[in-house]
Structure formats: C-alpha cells, structure tokens
Amino acid sequence: MTPNSKAVILFDGVCNFCNNSVQFIIRRDREAYFSFVSLQSETGAQLLREHSYTNDLNSVVVIDQGRLYTKSDAALQIIWHFHGLWRMARILRWVPRLVRDHAYDIIAKNRYRWFGTRESCMLPSPEIRSRFLD
C-alpha cells in the first residue's frame, strides 16, 4: 500500500461502471484513505493471494486494516469513510447480506452490457496517480 492510504480498493479495470465508481470515490475521499489497484494487474492478483481470496472476480474488493471485504460489504466499507449525507447509507448494513449481495450480483452480472468496457485500464491523472498501485 502507499504510505498515505489505509485501505486498498481492487476494481475491474476494464469496466466503465467500475472506473466511474473509482472516480466517484476519489472525489469523496477527502483524506485519501483509499488506494486503488486493478483486479487484472499483477499487484491486484498478489494482494488477493496474500489474503487467500480465490473466489470469482465479479466483485469490488476492499482490504481495510488487514480485512478483506467483497460485494455489498465492500461497497458499505467504502461508504463508511465518506462524509456528509453519504453516511446515511450506512443504514443498508441492516439489510440482510443475502439481499444486499443479490442486488450487487445483478449489477455485477450486467455491468459490461449496461455500462460497457474499455480496451485497457484507466490512466489516472498526475494529481491522483500516487493513489494507484502498480
């Protein structure tokens, strides 16, 4: 991880929805709490191996304080660090994980069809490049 971050978000680097989500997170992550790495990268694969995660890669993955979160738990872990009205989304923790993950799976299954893909992973601007792991 980078010295300034406390958690890493592993995302699908060729998914338009995922890339837009990363941009959304960056704009709201005032303290630069998160670093980012593509699931398709060697660094991403290494982090997954280090945490013994071998499940399907149709999920955003968050590694926060040594703990791995996936699917709706990962999304809620990200929101946990937002400020303002976004904190109200924490109430979704009260929705059973099975229900939350089912909704997550529907979006994950259709994300390429609904939002498209990229030929390659996004190139971050110089201002935020330090938050992306190689």
N, C-alpha and C. Protein backbone atom coordinates (compact mmCIF):
# COMPACT_ATOMS: atom_id res chain seq x y z
N MET A 1 0.84 -1.18 0.00
CA MET A 1 0.00 0.00 0.00
C MET A 1 0.88 1.25 0.00
N THR A 2 0.30 2.34 -0.41
CA THR A 2 1.04 3.59 -0.37
C THR A 2 1.06 4.09 1.06
N PRO A 3 2.06 4.88 1.42
CA PRO A 3 2.16 5.34 2.80
C PRO A 3 1.00 6.21 3.24
N ASN A 4 0.33 6.90 2.31
CA ASN A 4 -0.75 7.81 2.68
C ASN A 4 -2.10 7.13 2.83
N SER A 5 -2.24 5.92 2.33
CA SER A 5 -3.54 5.27 2.36
C SER A 5 -3.61 4.27 3.49
N LYS A 6 -4.83 3.93 3.83
CA LYS A 6 -5.06 2.95 4.88
C LYS A 6 -5.75 1.70 4.34
N ALA A 7 -6.40 1.84 3.19
CA ALA A 7 -7.14 0.72 2.61
C ALA A 7 -6.92 0.70 1.10
N VAL A 8 -7.12 -0.47 0.51
CA VAL A 8 -6.97 -0.64 -0.94
C VAL A 8 -8.29 -1.12 -1.52
N ILE A 9 -8.66 -0.52 -2.63
CA ILE A 9 -9.83 -0.96 -3.38
C ILE A 9 -9.33 -1.63 -4.65
N LEU A 10 -9.71 -2.89 -4.84
CA LEU A 10 -9.39 -3.62 -6.06
C LEU A 10 -10.63 -3.60 -6.94
N PHE A 11 -10.49 -3.14 -8.16
CA PHE A 11 -11.64 -2.95 -9.04
C PHE A 11 -11.35 -3.52 -10.42
N ASP A 12 -12.42 -3.76 -11.17
CA ASP A 12 -12.32 -4.26 -12.54
C ASP A 12 -11.86 -3.12 -13.43
N GLY A 13 -10.62 -3.16 -13.86
CA GLY A 13 -10.03 -2.06 -14.60
C GLY A 13 -10.58 -1.84 -16.00
N VAL A 14 -11.27 -2.80 -16.57
CA VAL A 14 -11.81 -2.62 -17.92
C VAL A 14 -13.29 -2.29 -17.91
N CYS A 15 -13.91 -2.24 -16.75
CA CYS A 15 -15.34 -1.98 -16.61
C CYS A 15 -15.59 -0.48 -16.48
N ASN A 16 -16.41 0.08 -17.37
CA ASN A 16 -16.72 1.51 -17.30
C ASN A 16 -17.40 1.88 -15.99
N PHE A 17 -18.34 1.08 -15.54
CA PHE A 17 -19.02 1.35 -14.27
C PHE A 17 -18.03 1.38 -13.12
N CYS A 18 -17.12 0.43 -13.12
CA CYS A 18 -16.12 0.35 -12.04
C CYS A 18 -15.17 1.53 -12.07
N ASN A 19 -14.72 1.92 -13.27
CA ASN A 19 -13.83 3.07 -13.39
C ASN A 19 -14.53 4.36 -12.97
N ASN A 20 -15.79 4.51 -13.34
CA ASN A 20 -16.55 5.68 -12.91
C ASN A 20 -16.75 5.66 -11.40
N SER A 21 -16.93 4.48 -10.84
CA SER A 21 -17.07 4.36 -9.38
C SER A 21 -15.79 4.79 -8.67
N VAL A 22 -14.63 4.43 -9.24
CA VAL A 22 -13.36 4.85 -8.66
C VAL A 22 -13.27 6.38 -8.67
N GLN A 23 -13.64 7.00 -9.78
CA GLN A 23 -13.62 8.46 -9.84
C GLN A 23 -14.57 9.07 -8.81
N PHE A 24 -15.73 8.47 -8.64
CA PHE A 24 -16.71 8.90 -7.65
C PHE A 24 -16.10 8.83 -6.24
N ILE A 25 -15.43 7.73 -5.94
CA ILE A 25 -14.81 7.55 -4.63
C ILE A 25 -13.71 8.58 -4.40
N ILE A 26 -12.87 8.79 -5.39
CA ILE A 26 -11.76 9.74 -5.26
C ILE A 26 -12.28 11.13 -4.92
N ARG A 27 -13.37 11.55 -5.57
CA ARG A 27 -13.93 12.88 -5.30
C ARG A 27 -14.46 13.01 -3.88
N ARG A 28 -14.83 11.92 -3.25
CA ARG A 28 -15.42 11.97 -1.91
C ARG A 28 -14.46 11.53 -0.80
N ASP A 29 -13.31 11.03 -1.17
CA ASP A 29 -12.34 10.52 -0.22
C ASP A 29 -11.38 11.65 0.17
N ARG A 30 -11.85 12.53 1.03
CA ARG A 30 -11.12 13.75 1.39
C ARG A 30 -9.75 13.48 2.00
N GLU A 31 -9.63 12.41 2.75
CA GLU A 31 -8.37 12.12 3.43
C GLU A 31 -7.46 11.18 2.65
N ALA A 32 -7.82 10.87 1.43
CA ALA A 32 -7.06 9.92 0.61
C ALA A 32 -6.85 8.62 1.38
N TYR A 33 -7.93 8.14 1.98
CA TYR A 33 -7.90 6.91 2.77
C TYR A 33 -7.65 5.70 1.88
N PHE A 34 -8.16 5.75 0.65
CA PHE A 34 -8.09 4.60 -0.24
C PHE A 34 -7.01 4.75 -1.31
N SER A 35 -6.37 3.63 -1.59
CA SER A 35 -5.55 3.47 -2.78
C SER A 35 -6.32 2.51 -3.69
N PHE A 36 -5.90 2.44 -4.94
CA PHE A 36 -6.64 1.66 -5.93
C PHE A 36 -5.70 0.79 -6.73
N VAL A 37 -6.21 -0.37 -7.12
CA VAL A 37 -5.46 -1.26 -7.99
C VAL A 37 -6.46 -2.09 -8.80
N SER A 38 -6.11 -2.33 -10.04
CA SER A 38 -6.97 -3.14 -10.90
C SER A 38 -6.88 -4.61 -10.51
N LEU A 39 -8.02 -5.27 -10.55
CA LEU A 39 -8.04 -6.72 -10.30
C LEU A 39 -7.21 -7.47 -11.34
N GLN A 40 -7.08 -6.90 -12.54
CA GLN A 40 -6.37 -7.57 -13.62
C GLN A 40 -4.86 -7.41 -13.52
N SER A 41 -4.39 -6.56 -12.62
CA SER A 41 -2.95 -6.32 -12.51
C SER A 41 -2.26 -7.40 -11.68
N GLU A 42 -0.96 -7.48 -11.84
CA GLU A 42 -0.19 -8.42 -11.03
C GLU A 42 -0.24 -8.03 -9.56
N THR A 43 -0.22 -6.74 -9.27
CA THR A 43 -0.32 -6.28 -7.87
C THR A 43 -1.66 -6.68 -7.28
N GLY A 44 -2.72 -6.53 -8.06
CA GLY A 44 -4.04 -6.95 -7.60
C GLY A 44 -4.09 -8.44 -7.32
N ALA A 45 -3.55 -9.23 -8.23
CA ALA A 45 -3.52 -10.68 -8.04
C ALA A 45 -2.70 -11.06 -6.82
N GLN A 46 -1.59 -10.36 -6.60
CA GLN A 46 -0.75 -10.64 -5.44
C GLN A 46 -1.49 -10.33 -4.14
N LEU A 47 -2.19 -9.19 -4.09
CA LEU A 47 -2.95 -8.84 -2.89
C LEU A 47 -4.03 -9.89 -2.60
N LEU A 48 -4.69 -10.36 -3.64
CA LEU A 48 -5.72 -11.38 -3.46
C LEU A 48 -5.10 -12.68 -2.93
N ARG A 49 -3.96 -13.06 -3.47
CA ARG A 49 -3.28 -14.27 -2.98
C ARG A 49 -2.88 -14.11 -1.52
N GLU A 50 -2.35 -12.94 -1.17
CA GLU A 50 -1.93 -12.69 0.21
C GLU A 50 -3.08 -12.82 1.20
N HIS A 51 -4.29 -12.55 0.72
CA HIS A 51 -5.48 -12.65 1.58
C HIS A 51 -6.28 -13.92 1.29
N SER A 52 -5.66 -14.85 0.57
CA SER A 52 -6.27 -16.16 0.27
C SER A 52 -7.64 -16.03 -0.37
N TYR A 53 -7.81 -15.03 -1.22
CA TYR A 53 -9.08 -14.84 -1.90
C TYR A 53 -8.98 -15.43 -3.29
N THR A 54 -9.74 -16.48 -3.52
CA THR A 54 -9.72 -17.15 -4.83
C THR A 54 -11.10 -17.22 -5.45
N ASN A 55 -12.06 -16.55 -4.86
CA ASN A 55 -13.43 -16.57 -5.39
C ASN A 55 -13.50 -15.80 -6.69
N ASP A 56 -14.70 -15.75 -7.26
CA ASP A 56 -14.85 -15.10 -8.55
C ASP A 56 -14.52 -13.61 -8.41
N LEU A 57 -14.07 -13.04 -9.51
CA LEU A 57 -13.63 -11.66 -9.50
C LEU A 57 -14.71 -10.69 -9.98
N ASN A 58 -15.96 -11.07 -9.86
CA ASN A 58 -17.07 -10.19 -10.22
C ASN A 58 -17.49 -9.34 -9.03
N SER A 59 -16.50 -8.87 -8.30
CA SER A 59 -16.78 -8.07 -7.12
C SER A 59 -15.68 -7.06 -6.91
N VAL A 60 -16.08 -5.88 -6.46
CA VAL A 60 -15.08 -4.97 -5.93
C VAL A 60 -14.57 -5.63 -4.65
N VAL A 61 -13.30 -5.44 -4.37
CA VAL A 61 -12.69 -6.00 -3.17
C VAL A 61 -12.05 -4.85 -2.40
N VAL A 62 -12.30 -4.78 -1.12
CA VAL A 62 -11.67 -3.77 -0.27
C VAL A 62 -10.85 -4.50 0.79
N ILE A 63 -9.61 -4.08 0.93
CA ILE A 63 -8.77 -4.58 2.01
C ILE A 63 -8.55 -3.40 2.95
N ASP A 64 -9.13 -3.49 4.11
CA ASP A 64 -9.10 -2.39 5.07
C ASP A 64 -8.64 -2.93 6.42
N GLN A 65 -7.54 -2.41 6.89
CA GLN A 65 -6.95 -2.83 8.16
C GLN A 65 -6.78 -4.35 8.22
N GLY A 66 -6.29 -4.91 7.10
CA GLY A 66 -5.98 -6.32 7.03
C GLY A 66 -7.17 -7.23 6.78
N ARG A 67 -8.36 -6.68 6.71
CA ARG A 67 -9.57 -7.48 6.49
C ARG A 67 -10.07 -7.29 5.07
N LEU A 68 -10.49 -8.38 4.44
CA LEU A 68 -10.97 -8.35 3.07
C LEU A 68 -12.49 -8.31 3.04
N TYR A 69 -13.04 -7.38 2.26
CA TYR A 69 -14.49 -7.23 2.08
C TYR A 69 -14.82 -7.38 0.61
N THR A 70 -15.95 -8.02 0.31
CA THR A 70 -16.38 -8.17 -1.08
C THR A 70 -17.85 -7.79 -1.21
N LYS A 71 -18.27 -7.64 -2.44
CA LYS A 71 -19.66 -7.36 -2.81
C LYS A 71 -20.23 -6.20 -2.01
N SER A 72 -21.42 -6.37 -1.47
CA SER A 72 -22.08 -5.25 -0.78
C SER A 72 -21.33 -4.84 0.48
N ASP A 73 -20.66 -5.77 1.13
CA ASP A 73 -19.86 -5.40 2.31
C ASP A 73 -18.72 -4.46 1.90
N ALA A 74 -18.12 -4.70 0.74
CA ALA A 74 -17.06 -3.82 0.26
C ALA A 74 -17.61 -2.43 -0.04
N ALA A 75 -18.75 -2.38 -0.71
CA ALA A 75 -19.36 -1.08 -1.01
C ALA A 75 -19.69 -0.31 0.27
N LEU A 76 -20.23 -0.99 1.25
CA LEU A 76 -20.56 -0.34 2.52
C LEU A 76 -19.30 0.08 3.28
N GLN A 77 -18.24 -0.69 3.15
CA GLN A 77 -16.98 -0.32 3.80
C GLN A 77 -16.43 0.97 3.18
N ILE A 78 -16.60 1.12 1.89
CA ILE A 78 -16.17 2.35 1.22
C ILE A 78 -17.00 3.52 1.72
N ILE A 79 -18.32 3.36 1.71
CA ILE A 79 -19.21 4.44 2.14
C ILE A 79 -18.95 4.82 3.59
N TRP A 80 -18.52 3.88 4.40
CA TRP A 80 -18.25 4.13 5.81
C TRP A 80 -17.28 5.31 5.98
N HIS A 81 -16.39 5.50 5.00
CA HIS A 81 -15.36 6.53 5.09
C HIS A 81 -15.76 7.84 4.42
N PHE A 82 -16.97 7.91 3.87
CA PHE A 82 -17.45 9.15 3.26
C PHE A 82 -17.99 10.08 4.35
N HIS A 83 -18.15 11.32 4.00
CA HIS A 83 -18.69 12.32 4.91
C HIS A 83 -20.04 12.80 4.41
N GLY A 84 -20.70 13.59 5.21
CA GLY A 84 -21.96 14.21 4.80
C GLY A 84 -23.10 13.21 4.73
N LEU A 85 -24.00 13.50 3.81
CA LEU A 85 -25.21 12.68 3.68
C LEU A 85 -24.94 11.24 3.29
N TRP A 86 -23.78 10.98 2.70
CA TRP A 86 -23.45 9.60 2.32
C TRP A 86 -23.44 8.67 3.52
N ARG A 87 -23.17 9.21 4.68
CA ARG A 87 -23.14 8.36 5.87
C ARG A 87 -24.50 7.75 6.17
N MET A 88 -25.56 8.36 5.66
CA MET A 88 -26.89 7.80 5.88
C MET A 88 -27.03 6.43 5.21
N ALA A 89 -26.22 6.16 4.21
CA ALA A 89 -26.27 4.87 3.51
C ALA A 89 -25.84 3.73 4.42
N ARG A 90 -25.24 4.06 5.55
CA ARG A 90 -24.83 3.02 6.49
C ARG A 90 -26.01 2.19 6.97
N ILE A 91 -27.18 2.76 6.88
CA ILE A 91 -28.38 2.03 7.31
C ILE A 91 -28.56 0.74 6.50
N LEU A 92 -27.95 0.68 5.33
CA LEU A 92 -28.04 -0.53 4.50
C LEU A 92 -27.40 -1.73 5.16
N ARG A 93 -26.56 -1.50 6.16
CA ARG A 93 -25.98 -2.64 6.91
C ARG A 93 -27.06 -3.46 7.60
N TRP A 94 -28.20 -2.84 7.84
CA TRP A 94 -29.31 -3.54 8.50
C TRP A 94 -30.06 -4.45 7.54
N VAL A 95 -29.86 -4.26 6.23
CA VAL A 95 -30.46 -5.14 5.24
C VAL A 95 -29.64 -6.43 5.24
N PRO A 96 -30.29 -7.58 5.28
CA PRO A 96 -29.53 -8.84 5.30
C PRO A 96 -28.55 -8.93 4.12
N ARG A 97 -27.36 -9.45 4.40
CA ARG A 97 -26.32 -9.56 3.38
C ARG A 97 -26.81 -10.33 2.16
N LEU A 98 -27.59 -11.36 2.36
CA LEU A 98 -28.11 -12.14 1.24
C LEU A 98 -28.88 -11.25 0.27
N VAL A 99 -29.69 -10.36 0.78
CA VAL A 99 -30.48 -9.44 -0.06
C VAL A 99 -29.55 -8.42 -0.72
N ARG A 100 -28.63 -7.83 0.06
CA ARG A 100 -27.70 -6.84 -0.49
C ARG A 100 -26.84 -7.45 -1.58
N ASP A 101 -26.31 -8.65 -1.33
CA ASP A 101 -25.44 -9.30 -2.31
C ASP A 101 -26.20 -9.73 -3.56
N HIS A 102 -27.47 -10.07 -3.41
CA HIS A 102 -28.26 -10.42 -4.59
C HIS A 102 -28.39 -9.20 -5.51
N ALA A 103 -28.68 -8.05 -4.93
CA ALA A 103 -28.77 -6.82 -5.73
C ALA A 103 -27.40 -6.51 -6.35
N TYR A 104 -26.35 -6.68 -5.58
CA TYR A 104 -24.99 -6.45 -6.08
C TYR A 104 -24.70 -7.37 -7.26
N ASP A 105 -25.05 -8.65 -7.12
CA ASP A 105 -24.78 -9.63 -8.18
C ASP A 105 -25.51 -9.29 -9.48
N ILE A 106 -26.70 -8.75 -9.39
CA ILE A 106 -27.44 -8.36 -10.60
C ILE A 106 -26.67 -7.28 -11.35
N ILE A 107 -26.19 -6.28 -10.61
CA ILE A 107 -25.42 -5.21 -11.24
C ILE A 107 -24.10 -5.77 -11.79
N ALA A 108 -23.41 -6.57 -11.00
CA ALA A 108 -22.12 -7.13 -11.43
C ALA A 108 -22.27 -7.98 -12.70
N LYS A 109 -23.33 -8.77 -12.75
CA LYS A 109 -23.55 -9.65 -13.89
C LYS A 109 -23.81 -8.87 -15.18
N ASN A 110 -24.43 -7.71 -15.05
CA ASN A 110 -24.85 -6.93 -16.22
C ASN A 110 -23.99 -5.69 -16.49
N ARG A 111 -22.95 -5.47 -15.71
CA ARG A 111 -22.21 -4.22 -15.79
C ARG A 111 -21.59 -3.97 -17.17
N TYR A 112 -21.08 -4.99 -17.82
CA TYR A 112 -20.48 -4.79 -19.14
C TYR A 112 -21.55 -4.43 -20.17
N ARG A 113 -22.67 -5.11 -20.10
CA ARG A 113 -23.74 -4.85 -21.05
C ARG A 113 -24.35 -3.47 -20.83
N TRP A 114 -24.59 -3.10 -19.58
CA TRP A 114 -25.23 -1.83 -19.26
C TRP A 114 -24.30 -0.63 -19.39
N PHE A 115 -23.04 -0.79 -19.04
CA PHE A 115 -22.13 0.35 -18.96
C PHE A 115 -20.94 0.26 -19.92
N GLY A 116 -20.72 -0.90 -20.52
CA GLY A 116 -19.63 -1.05 -21.47
C GLY A 116 -18.30 -1.38 -20.81
N THR A 117 -17.31 -1.55 -21.68
CA THR A 117 -15.96 -1.87 -21.21
C THR A 117 -14.96 -0.96 -21.92
N ARG A 118 -13.74 -1.02 -21.43
CA ARG A 118 -12.62 -0.29 -22.02
C ARG A 118 -11.65 -1.32 -22.59
N GLU A 119 -10.83 -0.88 -23.51
CA GLU A 119 -9.81 -1.76 -24.06
C GLU A 119 -8.71 -2.03 -23.03
N SER A 120 -8.48 -1.07 -22.16
CA SER A 120 -7.43 -1.20 -21.15
C SER A 120 -7.86 -0.47 -19.88
N CYS A 121 -7.09 -0.64 -18.85
CA CYS A 121 -7.37 0.03 -17.59
C CYS A 121 -7.21 1.53 -17.75
N MET A 122 -7.92 2.27 -16.91
CA MET A 122 -7.86 3.73 -16.99
C MET A 122 -6.47 4.25 -16.63
N LEU A 123 -6.13 5.39 -17.18
CA LEU A 123 -4.89 6.06 -16.83
C LEU A 123 -5.24 7.22 -15.91
N PRO A 124 -4.81 7.16 -14.67
CA PRO A 124 -5.15 8.24 -13.74
C PRO A 124 -4.39 9.52 -14.07
N SER A 125 -4.98 10.64 -13.71
CA SER A 125 -4.32 11.92 -13.92
C SER A 125 -3.10 12.01 -13.00
N PRO A 126 -2.16 12.89 -13.34
CA PRO A 126 -0.97 13.02 -12.49
C PRO A 126 -1.31 13.38 -11.03
N GLU A 127 -2.40 14.12 -10.82
CA GLU A 127 -2.78 14.53 -9.46
C GLU A 127 -3.15 13.35 -8.57
N ILE A 128 -3.71 12.31 -9.16
CA ILE A 128 -4.15 11.16 -8.35
C ILE A 128 -3.33 9.90 -8.60
N ARG A 129 -2.33 9.99 -9.46
CA ARG A 129 -1.52 8.82 -9.82
C ARG A 129 -0.92 8.12 -8.59
N SER A 130 -0.53 8.89 -7.58
CA SER A 130 0.11 8.29 -6.41
C SER A 130 -0.83 7.38 -5.63
N ARG A 131 -2.13 7.48 -5.88
CA ARG A 131 -3.11 6.66 -5.15
C ARG A 131 -3.35 5.31 -5.83
N PHE A 132 -2.72 5.10 -6.99
CA PHE A 132 -2.89 3.85 -7.73
C PHE A 132 -1.63 3.00 -7.57
N LEU A 133 -1.83 1.75 -7.20
CA LEU A 133 -0.72 0.84 -7.05
C LEU A 133 -0.41 0.20 -8.38
N ASP A 134 0.85 -0.06 -8.65
CA ASP A 134 1.25 -0.69 -9.92
C ASP A 134 1.06 -2.17 -9.88
